[in-house]
Amino acid sequence: MDAPHAVGGPVPAEPGRAALEVSPLPGRSGIRARGEISALTRPSWEQALSELAGRHAGVSYVELSDVAFVDVAGVTALAVTAMNLADGRVVVENPPPQLPRVLEMFWPGLDRIEVAL
């Protein structure tokens, strides 16, 4: 079993294993992710989204320009987080191409998420 890691720190990288690093966005309410969002990194992703929701105040940003891949469950975690916010929205910046397609396929018209390409 993998040792737990601190949120915001990288998932231990091993050959053939995905890694994800999540950090706060400087100067804005939000997070920046780097790496992959998949079954191996989902616990870190979900923890980061939970913390983001806890700090949410109107608009939260999720910067994904350094994310190479996000699986359907990772998009689901993002959508569920946005739907459970009391108000406001999540702005997803520079996501990998599959993220907007999955959002449109499973949550068309979800106005709690704005995708900025």
C-alpha atoms as a PDB file:
ATOM      1  CA  MET A   1       0.000   0.000   0.000  1.00  0.00           C
ATOM      2  CA  ASP A   2       1.301   3.482  -0.870  1.00  0.00           C
ATOM      3  CA  ALA A   3       2.203   5.785   1.978  1.00  0.00           C
ATOM      4  CA  PRO A   4      -0.127   8.770   2.311  1.00  0.00           C
ATOM      5  CA  HIS A   5       1.088  12.061   0.894  1.00  0.00           C
ATOM      6  CA  ALA A   6       0.283  15.639   1.731  1.00  0.00           C
ATOM      7  CA  VAL A   7      -2.293  17.398  -0.421  1.00  0.00           C
ATOM      8  CA  GLY A   8      -0.500  19.761  -2.732  1.00  0.00           C
ATOM      9  CA  GLY A   9       2.477  17.434  -2.894  1.00  0.00           C
ATOM     10  CA  PRO A  10       3.183  15.093  -5.749  1.00  0.00           C
ATOM     11  CA  VAL A  11       1.935  11.544  -5.758  1.00  0.00           C
ATOM     12  CA  PRO A  12       5.051   9.353  -5.514  1.00  0.00           C
ATOM     13  CA  ALA A  13       6.189   8.708  -9.070  1.00  0.00           C
ATOM     14  CA  GLU A  14       7.311   5.266 -10.117  1.00  0.00           C
ATOM     15  CA  PRO A  15       8.021   4.052 -13.631  1.00  0.00           C
ATOM     16  CA  GLY A  16       4.705   3.528 -15.372  1.00  0.00           C
ATOM     17  CA  ARG A  17       2.742   5.381 -12.660  1.00  0.00           C
ATOM     18  CA  ALA A  18       0.901   8.648 -13.002  1.00  0.00           C
ATOM     19  CA  ALA A  19       1.674  11.653 -10.824  1.00  0.00           C
ATOM     20  CA  LEU A  20      -0.393  14.675  -9.843  1.00  0.00           C
ATOM     21  CA  GLU A  21       0.653  17.843  -8.086  1.00  0.00           C
ATOM     22  CA  VAL A  22      -1.952  20.368  -6.938  1.00  0.00           C
ATOM     23  CA  SER A  23      -1.040  23.806  -5.597  1.00  0.00           C
ATOM     24  CA  PRO A  24      -2.866  27.049  -4.790  1.00  0.00           C
ATOM     25  CA  LEU A  25      -3.175  29.674  -7.514  1.00  0.00           C
ATOM     26  CA  PRO A  26      -1.231  32.789  -6.536  1.00  0.00           C
ATOM     27  CA  GLY A  27      -3.418  35.874  -6.293  1.00  0.00           C
ATOM     28  CA  ARG A  28      -6.709  34.080  -6.994  1.00  0.00           C
ATOM     29  CA  SER A  29      -9.072  31.685  -5.299  1.00  0.00           C
ATOM     30  CA  GLY A  30      -8.272  28.386  -6.916  1.00  0.00           C
ATOM     31  CA  ILE A  31      -5.873  25.557  -7.669  1.00  0.00           C
ATOM     32  CA  ARG A  32      -3.353  24.596 -10.349  1.00  0.00           C
ATOM     33  CA  ALA A  33      -2.883  20.945 -11.221  1.00  0.00           C
ATOM     34  CA  ARG A  34       0.057  19.315 -12.991  1.00  0.00           C
ATOM     35  CA  GLY A  35       0.287  15.734 -14.234  1.00  0.00           C
ATOM     36  CA  GLU A  36      -2.556  13.272 -14.771  1.00  0.00           C
ATOM     37  CA  ILE A  37      -5.952  12.853 -13.149  1.00  0.00           C
ATOM     38  CA  SER A  38      -6.706   9.138 -13.180  1.00  0.00           C
ATOM     39  CA  ALA A  39      -7.509   6.252 -10.837  1.00  0.00           C
ATOM     40  CA  LEU A  40      -4.019   6.447  -9.335  1.00  0.00           C
ATOM     41  CA  THR A  41      -4.207  10.169  -8.559  1.00  0.00           C
ATOM     42  CA  ARG A  42      -7.944  10.580  -7.924  1.00  0.00           C
ATOM     43  CA  PRO A  43      -7.691  10.681  -4.100  1.00  0.00           C
ATOM     44  CA  SER A  44      -5.399  13.727  -4.317  1.00  0.00           C
ATOM     45  CA  TRP A  45      -7.671  15.343  -6.922  1.00  0.00           C
ATOM     46  CA  GLU A  46     -10.807  14.792  -4.863  1.00  0.00           C
ATOM     47  CA  GLN A  47      -9.107  16.110  -1.713  1.00  0.00           C
ATOM     48  CA  ALA A  48      -7.955  19.244  -3.570  1.00  0.00           C
ATOM     49  CA  LEU A  49     -11.493  19.819  -4.905  1.00  0.00           C
ATOM     50  CA  SER A  50     -12.951  19.354  -1.430  1.00  0.00           C
ATOM     51  CA  GLU A  51     -10.568  21.944  -0.023  1.00  0.00           C
ATOM     52  CA  LEU A  52     -11.351  24.290  -2.905  1.00  0.00           C
ATOM     53  CA  ALA A  53     -15.081  23.976  -2.216  1.00  0.00           C
ATOM     54  CA  GLY A  54     -14.434  24.745   1.445  1.00  0.00           C
ATOM     55  CA  ARG A  55     -12.732  28.021   0.503  1.00  0.00           C
ATOM     56  CA  HIS A  56     -15.120  28.874  -2.353  1.00  0.00           C
ATOM     57  CA  ALA A  57     -16.462  32.438  -2.401  1.00  0.00           C
ATOM     58  CA  GLY A  58     -18.308  33.183  -5.637  1.00  0.00           C
ATOM     59  CA  VAL A  59     -15.746  32.131  -8.261  1.00  0.00           C
ATOM     60  CA  SER A  60     -13.034  29.503  -7.942  1.00  0.00           C
ATOM     61  CA  TYR A  61     -10.429  28.828 -10.619  1.00  0.00           C
ATOM     62  CA  VAL A  62      -8.999  25.458 -11.657  1.00  0.00           C
ATOM     63  CA  GLU A  63      -5.948  25.861 -13.917  1.00  0.00           C
ATOM     64  CA  LEU A  64      -5.202  22.686 -15.891  1.00  0.00           C
ATOM     65  CA  SER A  65      -2.727  23.717 -18.615  1.00  0.00           C
ATOM     66  CA  ASP A  66      -0.153  21.265 -17.223  1.00  0.00           C
ATOM     67  CA  VAL A  67      -2.583  18.334 -16.999  1.00  0.00           C
ATOM     68  CA  ALA A  68      -1.953  15.818 -19.766  1.00  0.00           C
ATOM     69  CA  PHE A  69      -5.021  13.659 -19.123  1.00  0.00           C
ATOM     70  CA  VAL A  70      -8.174  13.593 -17.015  1.00  0.00           C
ATOM     71  CA  ASP A  71     -10.387  10.509 -16.894  1.00  0.00           C
ATOM     72  CA  VAL A  72     -14.190  10.502 -16.729  1.00  0.00           C
ATOM     73  CA  ALA A  73     -14.172   9.978 -12.959  1.00  0.00           C
ATOM     74  CA  GLY A  74     -11.905  13.008 -12.562  1.00  0.00           C
ATOM     75  CA  VAL A  75     -14.331  15.132 -14.599  1.00  0.00           C
ATOM     76  CA  THR A  76     -17.180  13.686 -12.529  1.00  0.00           C
ATOM     77  CA  ALA A  77     -15.473  14.797  -9.305  1.00  0.00           C
ATOM     78  CA  LEU A  78     -15.135  18.309 -10.738  1.00  0.00           C
ATOM     79  CA  ALA A  79     -18.774  18.424 -11.884  1.00  0.00           C
ATOM     80  CA  VAL A  80     -20.089  17.114  -8.554  1.00  0.00           C
ATOM     81  CA  THR A  81     -17.979  19.662  -6.674  1.00  0.00           C
ATOM     82  CA  ALA A  82     -19.390  22.482  -8.807  1.00  0.00           C
ATOM     83  CA  MET A  83     -22.980  21.246  -8.457  1.00  0.00           C
ATOM     84  CA  ASN A  84     -22.638  21.105  -4.657  1.00  0.00           C
ATOM     85  CA  LEU A  85     -21.456  24.700  -4.280  1.00  0.00           C
ATOM     86  CA  ALA A  86     -23.953  26.962  -2.515  1.00  0.00           C
ATOM     87  CA  ASP A  87     -23.490  29.658  -5.157  1.00  0.00           C
ATOM     88  CA  GLY A  88     -21.168  30.900  -7.851  1.00  0.00           C
ATOM     89  CA  ARG A  89     -19.164  28.872 -10.324  1.00  0.00           C
ATOM     90  CA  VAL A  90     -15.894  27.144 -11.094  1.00  0.00           C
ATOM     91  CA  VAL A  91     -13.841  28.462 -14.009  1.00  0.00           C
ATOM     92  CA  VAL A  92     -11.699  25.712 -15.554  1.00  0.00           C
ATOM     93  CA  GLU A  93      -8.783  27.182 -17.468  1.00  0.00           C
ATOM     94  CA  ASN A  94      -6.856  25.445 -20.259  1.00  0.00           C
ATOM     95  CA  PRO A  95      -8.140  21.900 -19.679  1.00  0.00           C
ATOM     96  CA  PRO A  96      -7.047  18.881 -21.695  1.00  0.00           C
ATOM     97  CA  PRO A  97      -9.333  18.375 -24.714  1.00  0.00           C
ATOM     98  CA  GLN A  98     -11.317  15.487 -23.241  1.00  0.00           C
ATOM     99  CA  LEU A  99     -12.594  17.520 -20.259  1.00  0.00           C
ATOM    100  CA  PRO A 100     -14.983  19.850 -22.148  1.00  0.00           C
ATOM    101  CA  ARG A 101     -16.206  16.923 -24.268  1.00  0.00           C
ATOM    102  CA  VAL A 102     -17.004  14.813 -21.195  1.00  0.00           C
ATOM    103  CA  LEU A 103     -18.750  17.767 -19.511  1.00  0.00           C
ATOM    104  CA  GLU A 104     -20.894  18.360 -22.597  1.00  0.00           C
ATOM    105  CA  MET A 105     -21.696  14.664 -22.942  1.00  0.00           C
ATOM    106  CA  PHE A 106     -22.757  14.000 -19.349  1.00  0.00           C
ATOM    107  CA  TRP A 107     -23.647  17.450 -17.954  1.00  0.00           C
ATOM    108  CA  PRO A 108     -24.870  19.585 -20.863  1.00  0.00           C
ATOM    109  CA  GLY A 109     -25.941  22.994 -19.657  1.00  0.00           C
ATOM    110  CA  LEU A 110     -24.149  22.742 -16.296  1.00  0.00           C
ATOM    111  CA  ASP A 111     -23.822  26.461 -15.650  1.00  0.00           C
ATOM    112  CA  ARG A 112     -21.752  26.028 -12.469  1.00  0.00           C
ATOM    113  CA  ILE A 113     -18.695  25.273 -14.635  1.00  0.00           C
ATOM    114  CA  GLU A 114     -17.236  27.677 -17.167  1.00  0.00           C
ATOM    115  CA  VAL A 115     -14.506  26.321 -19.443  1.00  0.00           C
ATOM    116  CA  ALA A 116     -11.944  28.876 -20.621  1.00  0.00           C
ATOM    117  CA  LEU A 117      -9.762  27.457 -23.374  1.00  0.00           C
END
